[in-house]
Amino acid sequence: MDAAYMFARDLVTVNNGDIPREAVEATKKHVLDFLGVALAGSPQPGVKELLEIVTDWGGKRESTVLCYGDKMPAPNAAQVNATMAHSLDFDDVHEDAIMHPGVVAIPTALALADYVGGLSGREFIASVALGTDFICRLGLAARPGENIHQYGWHLTTLFGYMTAGAVAAQV
């Protein structure tokens, strides 16, 4: 069994009660921070334009866009919410992994919780905590160093797709 398989297996089989209390408390603050920066970022250039584009695309009304209240397919709502939260660049940063884990884990969990319904607060916090841990570990494993961006790499984006899938597996 290789490391990637074990990592994925552990991610989807962890029990909510296995997450340390400190991680749960940090995740709650992380979510609150995300909501604050998303609110502040909601009127920023690019957010309304992205909302108009994904609204024009149509699709099932699955998940809610924060601040605006529009319902759209879950991936689109997650993208708009992430864009809001990152638009002022005040969102969270993992300094060693050189990324913004919250703008992937939190909007994915919000969109899927809205879509699936019935998700408890503990389950939501667990999915965010595990998704955050997942993306940060991927970033740390890449050993980016301080100059990663000069080469055109943005690890939030690079590992965001896998992280969104991991969070979805939790929800």
N, C-alpha and C. Protein backbone atom coordinates (compact mmCIF):
# COMPACT_ATOMS: atom_id res chain seq x y z
N MET A 1 0.85 -1.16 0.00
CA MET A 1 0.00 0.00 0.00
C MET A 1 0.91 1.24 0.00
N ASP A 2 0.67 2.16 -0.93
CA ASP A 2 1.53 3.33 -1.01
C ASP A 2 1.01 4.46 -0.11
N ALA A 3 1.84 5.48 0.06
CA ALA A 3 1.52 6.59 0.97
C ALA A 3 0.27 7.34 0.53
N ALA A 4 0.08 7.53 -0.78
CA ALA A 4 -1.09 8.26 -1.28
C ALA A 4 -2.37 7.52 -0.93
N TYR A 5 -2.36 6.20 -1.09
CA TYR A 5 -3.55 5.41 -0.76
C TYR A 5 -3.86 5.51 0.74
N MET A 6 -2.84 5.38 1.57
CA MET A 6 -3.05 5.44 3.02
C MET A 6 -3.56 6.82 3.44
N PHE A 7 -3.03 7.85 2.82
CA PHE A 7 -3.45 9.22 3.11
C PHE A 7 -4.94 9.38 2.78
N ALA A 8 -5.34 8.94 1.60
CA ALA A 8 -6.74 9.05 1.18
C ALA A 8 -7.64 8.19 2.06
N ARG A 9 -7.21 6.99 2.37
CA ARG A 9 -8.01 6.10 3.22
C ARG A 9 -8.24 6.72 4.58
N ASP A 10 -7.19 7.25 5.17
CA ASP A 10 -7.33 7.86 6.49
C ASP A 10 -8.22 9.09 6.44
N LEU A 11 -8.16 9.83 5.37
CA LEU A 11 -8.97 11.04 5.24
C LEU A 11 -10.46 10.71 5.28
N VAL A 12 -10.86 9.67 4.59
CA VAL A 12 -12.30 9.38 4.50
C VAL A 12 -12.80 8.48 5.62
N THR A 13 -11.91 7.92 6.43
CA THR A 13 -12.37 7.03 7.50
C THR A 13 -12.20 7.61 8.89
N VAL A 14 -11.65 8.80 9.00
CA VAL A 14 -11.44 9.39 10.33
C VAL A 14 -12.79 9.68 10.97
N ASN A 15 -12.87 9.48 12.25
CA ASN A 15 -14.08 9.75 13.02
C ASN A 15 -14.02 11.20 13.50
N ASN A 16 -15.16 11.90 13.47
CA ASN A 16 -15.19 13.30 13.92
C ASN A 16 -14.59 13.47 15.30
N GLY A 17 -14.79 12.48 16.17
CA GLY A 17 -14.28 12.53 17.53
C GLY A 17 -12.77 12.38 17.61
N ASP A 18 -12.14 11.98 16.51
CA ASP A 18 -10.69 11.82 16.50
C ASP A 18 -9.94 13.14 16.30
N ILE A 19 -10.65 14.18 15.93
CA ILE A 19 -10.01 15.48 15.67
C ILE A 19 -9.76 16.15 17.01
N PRO A 20 -8.51 16.53 17.29
CA PRO A 20 -8.19 17.16 18.58
C PRO A 20 -9.01 18.43 18.81
N ARG A 21 -9.35 18.66 20.05
CA ARG A 21 -10.16 19.82 20.43
C ARG A 21 -9.53 21.13 19.95
N GLU A 22 -8.21 21.22 20.03
CA GLU A 22 -7.51 22.43 19.58
C GLU A 22 -7.75 22.66 18.09
N ALA A 23 -7.75 21.58 17.32
CA ALA A 23 -7.99 21.70 15.88
C ALA A 23 -9.42 22.11 15.60
N VAL A 24 -10.35 21.59 16.38
CA VAL A 24 -11.76 21.97 16.23
C VAL A 24 -11.93 23.46 16.51
N GLU A 25 -11.34 23.93 17.61
CA GLU A 25 -11.46 25.36 17.96
C GLU A 25 -10.80 26.24 16.92
N ALA A 26 -9.63 25.84 16.43
CA ALA A 26 -8.95 26.61 15.39
C ALA A 26 -9.78 26.65 14.11
N THR A 27 -10.43 25.53 13.78
CA THR A 27 -11.25 25.46 12.58
C THR A 27 -12.46 26.38 12.69
N LYS A 28 -13.07 26.44 13.86
CA LYS A 28 -14.20 27.35 14.05
C LYS A 28 -13.78 28.79 13.79
N LYS A 29 -12.62 29.18 14.31
CA LYS A 29 -12.11 30.54 14.08
C LYS A 29 -11.77 30.75 12.61
N HIS A 30 -11.29 29.70 11.99
CA HIS A 30 -10.93 29.72 10.56
C HIS A 30 -12.19 30.00 9.72
N VAL A 31 -13.28 29.33 10.06
CA VAL A 31 -14.55 29.52 9.33
C VAL A 31 -15.08 30.94 9.56
N LEU A 32 -15.01 31.42 10.79
CA LEU A 32 -15.46 32.78 11.09
C LEU A 32 -14.64 33.81 10.31
N ASP A 33 -13.33 33.61 10.24
CA ASP A 33 -12.46 34.49 9.47
C ASP A 33 -12.85 34.46 8.00
N PHE A 34 -13.10 33.27 7.47
CA PHE A 34 -13.51 33.14 6.07
C PHE A 34 -14.77 33.95 5.80
N LEU A 35 -15.75 33.82 6.68
CA LEU A 35 -17.01 34.54 6.48
C LEU A 35 -16.79 36.05 6.51
N GLY A 36 -15.92 36.52 7.39
CA GLY A 36 -15.64 37.94 7.46
C GLY A 36 -14.95 38.47 6.21
N VAL A 37 -13.95 37.74 5.73
CA VAL A 37 -13.25 38.23 4.54
C VAL A 37 -14.11 38.06 3.29
N ALA A 38 -15.01 37.07 3.29
CA ALA A 38 -15.93 36.92 2.16
C ALA A 38 -16.92 38.09 2.13
N LEU A 39 -17.42 38.47 3.28
CA LEU A 39 -18.32 39.62 3.36
C LEU A 39 -17.61 40.88 2.87
N ALA A 40 -16.39 41.09 3.34
CA ALA A 40 -15.63 42.27 2.92
C ALA A 40 -15.30 42.22 1.43
N GLY A 41 -15.09 41.04 0.91
CA GLY A 41 -14.72 40.90 -0.49
C GLY A 41 -15.88 40.85 -1.45
N SER A 42 -17.09 40.72 -0.94
CA SER A 42 -18.25 40.55 -1.82
C SER A 42 -18.45 41.66 -2.85
N PRO A 43 -18.16 42.94 -2.55
CA PRO A 43 -18.36 43.97 -3.58
C PRO A 43 -17.12 44.24 -4.44
N GLN A 44 -16.08 43.48 -4.26
CA GLN A 44 -14.83 43.75 -4.96
C GLN A 44 -14.92 43.43 -6.46
N PRO A 45 -14.10 44.11 -7.25
CA PRO A 45 -14.08 43.85 -8.69
C PRO A 45 -13.80 42.36 -8.97
N GLY A 46 -14.54 41.84 -9.89
CA GLY A 46 -14.40 40.45 -10.30
C GLY A 46 -15.42 39.52 -9.68
N VAL A 47 -15.87 39.84 -8.48
CA VAL A 47 -16.84 38.97 -7.81
C VAL A 47 -18.18 39.02 -8.51
N LYS A 48 -18.71 40.21 -8.70
CA LYS A 48 -20.02 40.35 -9.35
C LYS A 48 -19.96 39.82 -10.78
N GLU A 49 -18.84 40.07 -11.46
CA GLU A 49 -18.70 39.59 -12.84
C GLU A 49 -18.69 38.06 -12.88
N LEU A 50 -17.98 37.43 -11.94
CA LEU A 50 -17.98 35.97 -11.87
C LEU A 50 -19.38 35.45 -11.56
N LEU A 51 -20.06 36.11 -10.64
CA LEU A 51 -21.43 35.72 -10.31
C LEU A 51 -22.34 35.80 -11.54
N GLU A 52 -22.18 36.85 -12.33
CA GLU A 52 -22.99 36.99 -13.55
C GLU A 52 -22.69 35.87 -14.54
N ILE A 53 -21.42 35.52 -14.68
CA ILE A 53 -21.04 34.45 -15.62
C ILE A 53 -21.66 33.12 -15.20
N VAL A 54 -21.46 32.74 -13.93
CA VAL A 54 -21.98 31.43 -13.51
C VAL A 54 -23.50 31.42 -13.44
N THR A 55 -24.11 32.57 -13.22
CA THR A 55 -25.57 32.64 -13.27
C THR A 55 -26.05 32.41 -14.70
N ASP A 56 -25.36 33.01 -15.66
CA ASP A 56 -25.71 32.80 -17.07
C ASP A 56 -25.57 31.34 -17.49
N TRP A 57 -24.63 30.63 -16.88
CA TRP A 57 -24.46 29.22 -17.21
C TRP A 57 -25.67 28.39 -16.80
N GLY A 58 -26.38 28.86 -15.79
CA GLY A 58 -27.57 28.14 -15.33
C GLY A 58 -27.20 26.89 -14.56
N GLY A 59 -28.10 25.94 -14.57
CA GLY A 59 -27.87 24.69 -13.85
C GLY A 59 -28.77 24.56 -12.64
N LYS A 60 -28.60 23.46 -11.95
CA LYS A 60 -29.43 23.19 -10.78
C LYS A 60 -29.15 24.18 -9.66
N ARG A 61 -30.19 24.51 -8.95
CA ARG A 61 -30.08 25.43 -7.81
C ARG A 61 -29.77 24.61 -6.56
N GLU A 62 -28.47 24.35 -6.35
CA GLU A 62 -28.03 23.44 -5.29
C GLU A 62 -27.48 24.14 -4.05
N SER A 63 -26.71 25.19 -4.25
CA SER A 63 -25.99 25.80 -3.14
C SER A 63 -26.05 27.32 -3.24
N THR A 64 -25.90 27.97 -2.10
CA THR A 64 -26.09 29.40 -1.99
C THR A 64 -24.78 30.17 -2.10
N VAL A 65 -24.83 31.30 -2.80
CA VAL A 65 -23.71 32.23 -2.85
C VAL A 65 -23.87 33.18 -1.67
N LEU A 66 -22.84 33.25 -0.84
CA LEU A 66 -22.86 34.13 0.32
C LEU A 66 -23.11 35.57 -0.11
N CYS A 67 -23.72 36.33 0.75
CA CYS A 67 -23.98 37.77 0.58
C CYS A 67 -25.01 38.07 -0.50
N TYR A 68 -25.06 37.31 -1.56
CA TYR A 68 -25.98 37.58 -2.67
C TYR A 68 -27.25 36.73 -2.59
N GLY A 69 -27.12 35.51 -2.05
CA GLY A 69 -28.27 34.64 -1.89
C GLY A 69 -28.66 33.83 -3.11
N ASP A 70 -27.96 34.01 -4.22
CA ASP A 70 -28.26 33.24 -5.43
C ASP A 70 -27.99 31.76 -5.18
N LYS A 71 -28.81 30.91 -5.80
CA LYS A 71 -28.60 29.47 -5.74
C LYS A 71 -28.12 29.01 -7.10
N MET A 72 -27.14 28.13 -7.10
CA MET A 72 -26.57 27.63 -8.35
C MET A 72 -25.92 26.29 -8.09
N PRO A 73 -25.39 25.63 -9.14
CA PRO A 73 -24.71 24.37 -8.92
C PRO A 73 -23.61 24.52 -7.85
N ALA A 74 -23.47 23.50 -7.03
CA ALA A 74 -22.54 23.56 -5.90
C ALA A 74 -21.13 23.99 -6.28
N PRO A 75 -20.53 23.44 -7.35
CA PRO A 75 -19.17 23.88 -7.68
C PRO A 75 -19.08 25.37 -8.01
N ASN A 76 -20.12 25.90 -8.65
CA ASN A 76 -20.12 27.32 -9.00
C ASN A 76 -20.28 28.20 -7.77
N ALA A 77 -21.15 27.80 -6.86
CA ALA A 77 -21.32 28.56 -5.62
C ALA A 77 -20.02 28.54 -4.82
N ALA A 78 -19.37 27.39 -4.76
CA ALA A 78 -18.09 27.30 -4.05
C ALA A 78 -17.06 28.24 -4.67
N GLN A 79 -17.02 28.30 -5.99
CA GLN A 79 -16.05 29.16 -6.67
C GLN A 79 -16.32 30.63 -6.39
N VAL A 80 -17.56 31.04 -6.46
CA VAL A 80 -17.88 32.45 -6.20
C VAL A 80 -17.56 32.80 -4.74
N ASN A 81 -17.94 31.93 -3.83
CA ASN A 81 -17.66 32.18 -2.41
C ASN A 81 -16.16 32.24 -2.14
N ALA A 82 -15.40 31.37 -2.78
CA ALA A 82 -13.94 31.39 -2.63
C ALA A 82 -13.35 32.68 -3.20
N THR A 83 -13.88 33.11 -4.33
CA THR A 83 -13.39 34.35 -4.95
C THR A 83 -13.64 35.54 -4.04
N MET A 84 -14.82 35.59 -3.43
CA MET A 84 -15.13 36.67 -2.48
C MET A 84 -14.11 36.69 -1.35
N ALA A 85 -13.85 35.52 -0.78
CA ALA A 85 -12.98 35.44 0.39
C ALA A 85 -11.53 35.76 0.06
N HIS A 86 -11.13 35.54 -1.17
CA HIS A 86 -9.73 35.78 -1.55
C HIS A 86 -9.53 37.13 -2.22
N SER A 87 -10.61 37.83 -2.54
CA SER A 87 -10.50 39.03 -3.37
C SER A 87 -9.67 40.15 -2.74
N LEU A 88 -9.65 40.25 -1.44
CA LEU A 88 -8.85 41.28 -0.78
C LEU A 88 -7.50 40.73 -0.31
N ASP A 89 -7.30 39.43 -0.47
CA ASP A 89 -6.07 38.74 -0.06
C ASP A 89 -5.82 38.86 1.44
N PHE A 90 -6.91 38.91 2.22
CA PHE A 90 -6.81 38.91 3.67
C PHE A 90 -7.15 37.54 4.24
N ASP A 91 -7.35 36.56 3.35
CA ASP A 91 -7.71 35.23 3.82
C ASP A 91 -6.50 34.55 4.46
N ASP A 92 -6.75 33.41 5.04
CA ASP A 92 -5.73 32.67 5.78
C ASP A 92 -4.52 32.33 4.91
N VAL A 93 -3.39 32.15 5.58
CA VAL A 93 -2.16 31.75 4.88
C VAL A 93 -1.45 30.72 5.74
N HIS A 94 -1.06 29.63 5.13
CA HIS A 94 -0.15 28.69 5.78
C HIS A 94 1.24 29.08 5.28
N GLU A 95 2.02 29.68 6.15
CA GLU A 95 3.28 30.27 5.72
C GLU A 95 4.29 29.25 5.22
N ASP A 96 4.35 28.08 5.83
CA ASP A 96 5.33 27.09 5.39
C ASP A 96 4.92 26.41 4.09
N ALA A 97 3.62 26.18 3.93
CA ALA A 97 3.14 25.55 2.70
C ALA A 97 2.91 26.60 1.61
N ILE A 98 2.92 27.86 1.97
CA ILE A 98 2.74 28.98 1.07
C ILE A 98 1.44 28.84 0.26
N MET A 99 0.34 28.85 1.00
CA MET A 99 -0.97 28.71 0.35
C MET A 99 -2.07 29.25 1.25
N HIS A 100 -3.27 29.31 0.68
CA HIS A 100 -4.48 29.77 1.37
C HIS A 100 -5.44 28.57 1.48
N PRO A 101 -5.33 27.75 2.51
CA PRO A 101 -6.16 26.54 2.58
C PRO A 101 -7.65 26.80 2.75
N GLY A 102 -8.01 27.87 3.44
CA GLY A 102 -9.42 28.12 3.73
C GLY A 102 -10.27 28.40 2.52
N VAL A 103 -9.70 29.03 1.47
CA VAL A 103 -10.51 29.36 0.31
C VAL A 103 -10.79 28.15 -0.57
N VAL A 104 -10.28 27.00 -0.17
CA VAL A 104 -10.63 25.76 -0.84
C VAL A 104 -11.54 24.94 0.07
N ALA A 105 -11.08 24.67 1.28
CA ALA A 105 -11.81 23.76 2.17
C ALA A 105 -13.17 24.32 2.60
N ILE A 106 -13.21 25.58 2.98
CA ILE A 106 -14.45 26.13 3.54
C ILE A 106 -15.55 26.32 2.51
N PRO A 107 -15.30 26.96 1.36
CA PRO A 107 -16.41 27.11 0.41
C PRO A 107 -16.88 25.78 -0.17
N THR A 108 -15.98 24.82 -0.28
CA THR A 108 -16.40 23.49 -0.74
C THR A 108 -17.33 22.85 0.29
N ALA A 109 -16.94 22.91 1.55
CA ALA A 109 -17.77 22.33 2.61
C ALA A 109 -19.11 23.06 2.72
N LEU A 110 -19.09 24.39 2.60
CA LEU A 110 -20.36 25.16 2.66
C LEU A 110 -21.29 24.78 1.52
N ALA A 111 -20.75 24.73 0.32
CA ALA A 111 -21.58 24.43 -0.85
C ALA A 111 -22.16 23.02 -0.76
N LEU A 112 -21.35 22.07 -0.34
CA LEU A 112 -21.84 20.69 -0.27
C LEU A 112 -22.77 20.48 0.91
N ALA A 113 -22.53 21.17 2.02
CA ALA A 113 -23.45 21.07 3.15
C ALA A 113 -24.83 21.60 2.77
N ASP A 114 -24.84 22.70 2.01
CA ASP A 114 -26.08 23.28 1.53
C ASP A 114 -26.78 22.32 0.56
N TYR A 115 -26.02 21.73 -0.32
CA TYR A 115 -26.56 20.81 -1.32
C TYR A 115 -27.10 19.52 -0.69
N VAL A 116 -26.30 18.91 0.17
CA VAL A 116 -26.68 17.63 0.77
C VAL A 116 -27.75 17.83 1.84
N GLY A 117 -27.61 18.86 2.65
CA GLY A 117 -28.56 19.11 3.74
C GLY A 117 -28.36 18.14 4.88
N GLY A 118 -28.75 18.54 6.06
CA GLY A 118 -28.71 17.66 7.21
C GLY A 118 -27.33 17.43 7.80
N LEU A 119 -26.34 18.17 7.37
CA LEU A 119 -24.99 18.01 7.90
C LEU A 119 -24.92 18.68 9.27
N SER A 120 -24.41 17.97 10.25
CA SER A 120 -24.29 18.56 11.58
C SER A 120 -23.12 19.53 11.61
N GLY A 121 -23.11 20.39 12.61
CA GLY A 121 -22.00 21.31 12.79
C GLY A 121 -20.69 20.58 12.98
N ARG A 122 -20.71 19.48 13.73
CA ARG A 122 -19.49 18.69 13.93
C ARG A 122 -18.98 18.10 12.63
N GLU A 123 -19.90 17.61 11.81
CA GLU A 123 -19.49 17.05 10.52
C GLU A 123 -18.92 18.14 9.61
N PHE A 124 -19.54 19.31 9.63
CA PHE A 124 -19.04 20.42 8.83
C PHE A 124 -17.64 20.82 9.28
N ILE A 125 -17.45 21.02 10.56
CA ILE A 125 -16.14 21.41 11.09
C ILE A 125 -15.11 20.33 10.80
N ALA A 126 -15.49 19.07 10.93
CA ALA A 126 -14.56 17.99 10.63
C ALA A 126 -14.14 18.01 9.16
N SER A 127 -15.08 18.24 8.26
CA SER A 127 -14.72 18.26 6.84
C SER A 127 -13.78 19.42 6.53
N VAL A 128 -14.00 20.57 7.15
CA VAL A 128 -13.11 21.72 6.94
C VAL A 128 -11.74 21.44 7.55
N ALA A 129 -11.70 20.91 8.76
CA ALA A 129 -10.42 20.62 9.42
C ALA A 129 -9.61 19.61 8.62
N LEU A 130 -10.26 18.56 8.16
CA LEU A 130 -9.55 17.53 7.41
C LEU A 130 -9.12 18.04 6.03
N GLY A 131 -9.97 18.84 5.40
CA GLY A 131 -9.59 19.42 4.11
C GLY A 131 -8.43 20.38 4.25
N THR A 132 -8.44 21.17 5.31
CA THR A 132 -7.33 22.10 5.57
C THR A 132 -6.04 21.33 5.81
N ASP A 133 -6.13 20.30 6.62
CA ASP A 133 -4.95 19.46 6.88
C ASP A 133 -4.44 18.83 5.59
N PHE A 134 -5.36 18.36 4.79
CA PHE A 134 -5.02 17.70 3.52
C PHE A 134 -4.23 18.64 2.60
N ILE A 135 -4.76 19.84 2.35
CA ILE A 135 -4.10 20.74 1.41
C ILE A 135 -2.76 21.23 1.97
N CYS A 136 -2.70 21.45 3.28
CA CYS A 136 -1.44 21.90 3.87
C CYS A 136 -0.37 20.81 3.79
N ARG A 137 -0.77 19.58 4.02
CA ARG A 137 0.21 18.48 3.90
C ARG A 137 0.71 18.33 2.47
N LEU A 138 -0.19 18.50 1.51
CA LEU A 138 0.25 18.45 0.11
C LEU A 138 1.24 19.58 -0.18
N GLY A 139 0.92 20.76 0.31
CA GLY A 139 1.81 21.90 0.10
C GLY A 139 3.16 21.70 0.75
N LEU A 140 3.16 21.18 1.97
CA LEU A 140 4.42 20.93 2.67
C LEU A 140 5.23 19.84 1.98
N ALA A 141 4.54 18.84 1.45
CA ALA A 141 5.24 17.75 0.75
C ALA A 141 5.91 18.24 -0.52
N ALA A 142 5.35 19.30 -1.11
CA ALA A 142 5.93 19.85 -2.34
C ALA A 142 7.22 20.62 -2.05
N ARG A 143 7.46 20.92 -0.78
CA ARG A 143 8.65 21.68 -0.35
C ARG A 143 8.86 22.91 -1.23
N PRO A 144 7.90 23.82 -1.19
CA PRO A 144 7.92 24.91 -2.16
C PRO A 144 9.06 25.90 -2.03
N GLY A 145 9.48 26.20 -0.84
CA GLY A 145 10.48 27.26 -0.70
C GLY A 145 9.84 28.62 -0.94
N GLU A 146 10.56 29.65 -0.64
CA GLU A 146 9.99 30.99 -0.69
C GLU A 146 9.81 31.53 -2.11
N ASN A 147 10.45 30.97 -3.10
CA ASN A 147 10.41 31.53 -4.45
C ASN A 147 9.47 30.81 -5.39
N ILE A 148 8.57 30.02 -4.87
CA ILE A 148 7.69 29.19 -5.71
C ILE A 148 6.87 30.04 -6.68
N HIS A 149 6.41 31.20 -6.24
CA HIS A 149 5.55 32.03 -7.10
C HIS A 149 6.30 32.63 -8.28
N GLN A 150 7.59 32.82 -8.17
CA GLN A 150 8.33 33.40 -9.30
C GLN A 150 8.36 32.46 -10.50
N TYR A 151 8.05 31.20 -10.26
CA TYR A 151 8.02 30.23 -11.36
C TYR A 151 6.60 29.99 -11.88
N GLY A 152 5.64 30.75 -11.35
CA GLY A 152 4.27 30.65 -11.82
C GLY A 152 3.41 29.63 -11.08
N TRP A 153 3.93 29.06 -10.01
CA TRP A 153 3.16 28.07 -9.25
C TRP A 153 2.37 28.75 -8.14
N HIS A 154 1.12 28.37 -8.01
CA HIS A 154 0.29 28.82 -6.91
C HIS A 154 -0.29 27.55 -6.31
N LEU A 155 0.24 27.15 -5.16
CA LEU A 155 -0.12 25.85 -4.60
C LEU A 155 -1.57 25.75 -4.16
N THR A 156 -2.21 26.87 -3.83
CA THR A 156 -3.63 26.82 -3.50
C THR A 156 -4.42 26.27 -4.69
N THR A 157 -4.11 26.76 -5.86
CA THR A 157 -4.78 26.30 -7.07
C THR A 157 -4.35 24.89 -7.44
N LEU A 158 -3.05 24.65 -7.39
CA LEU A 158 -2.52 23.35 -7.79
C LEU A 158 -3.13 22.20 -6.98
N PHE A 159 -3.21 22.38 -5.67
CA PHE A 159 -3.73 21.32 -4.81
C PHE A 159 -5.20 21.51 -4.44
N GLY A 160 -5.79 22.59 -4.92
CA GLY A 160 -7.18 22.88 -4.60
C GLY A 160 -8.17 21.87 -5.15
N TYR A 161 -7.92 21.37 -6.33
CA TYR A 161 -8.84 20.41 -6.94
C TYR A 161 -8.90 19.11 -6.14
N MET A 162 -7.73 18.62 -5.76
CA MET A 162 -7.70 17.40 -4.95
C MET A 162 -8.33 17.63 -3.58
N THR A 163 -8.08 18.81 -3.03
CA THR A 163 -8.64 19.13 -1.71
C THR A 163 -10.16 19.24 -1.77
N ALA A 164 -10.69 19.87 -2.81
CA ALA A 164 -12.14 19.95 -2.95
C ALA A 164 -12.75 18.55 -3.02
N GLY A 165 -12.09 17.65 -3.72
CA GLY A 165 -12.56 16.26 -3.76
C GLY A 165 -12.49 15.59 -2.40
N ALA A 166 -11.44 15.89 -1.65
CA ALA A 166 -11.29 15.31 -0.32
C ALA A 166 -12.37 15.83 0.63
N VAL A 167 -12.64 17.12 0.55
CA VAL A 167 -13.70 17.70 1.39
C VAL A 167 -15.05 17.11 1.00
N ALA A 168 -15.29 16.98 -0.28
CA ALA A 168 -16.55 16.39 -0.75
C ALA A 168 -16.71 14.96 -0.23
N ALA A 169 -15.62 14.23 -0.16
CA ALA A 169 -15.69 12.86 0.37
C ALA A 169 -16.08 12.85 1.85
N GLN A 170 -15.73 13.91 2.55
CA GLN A 170 -16.08 14.03 3.97
C GLN A 170 -17.54 14.38 4.18
N VAL A 171 -18.07 15.20 3.29
CA VAL A 171 -19.45 15.67 3.44
C VAL A 171 -20.37 14.56 2.99
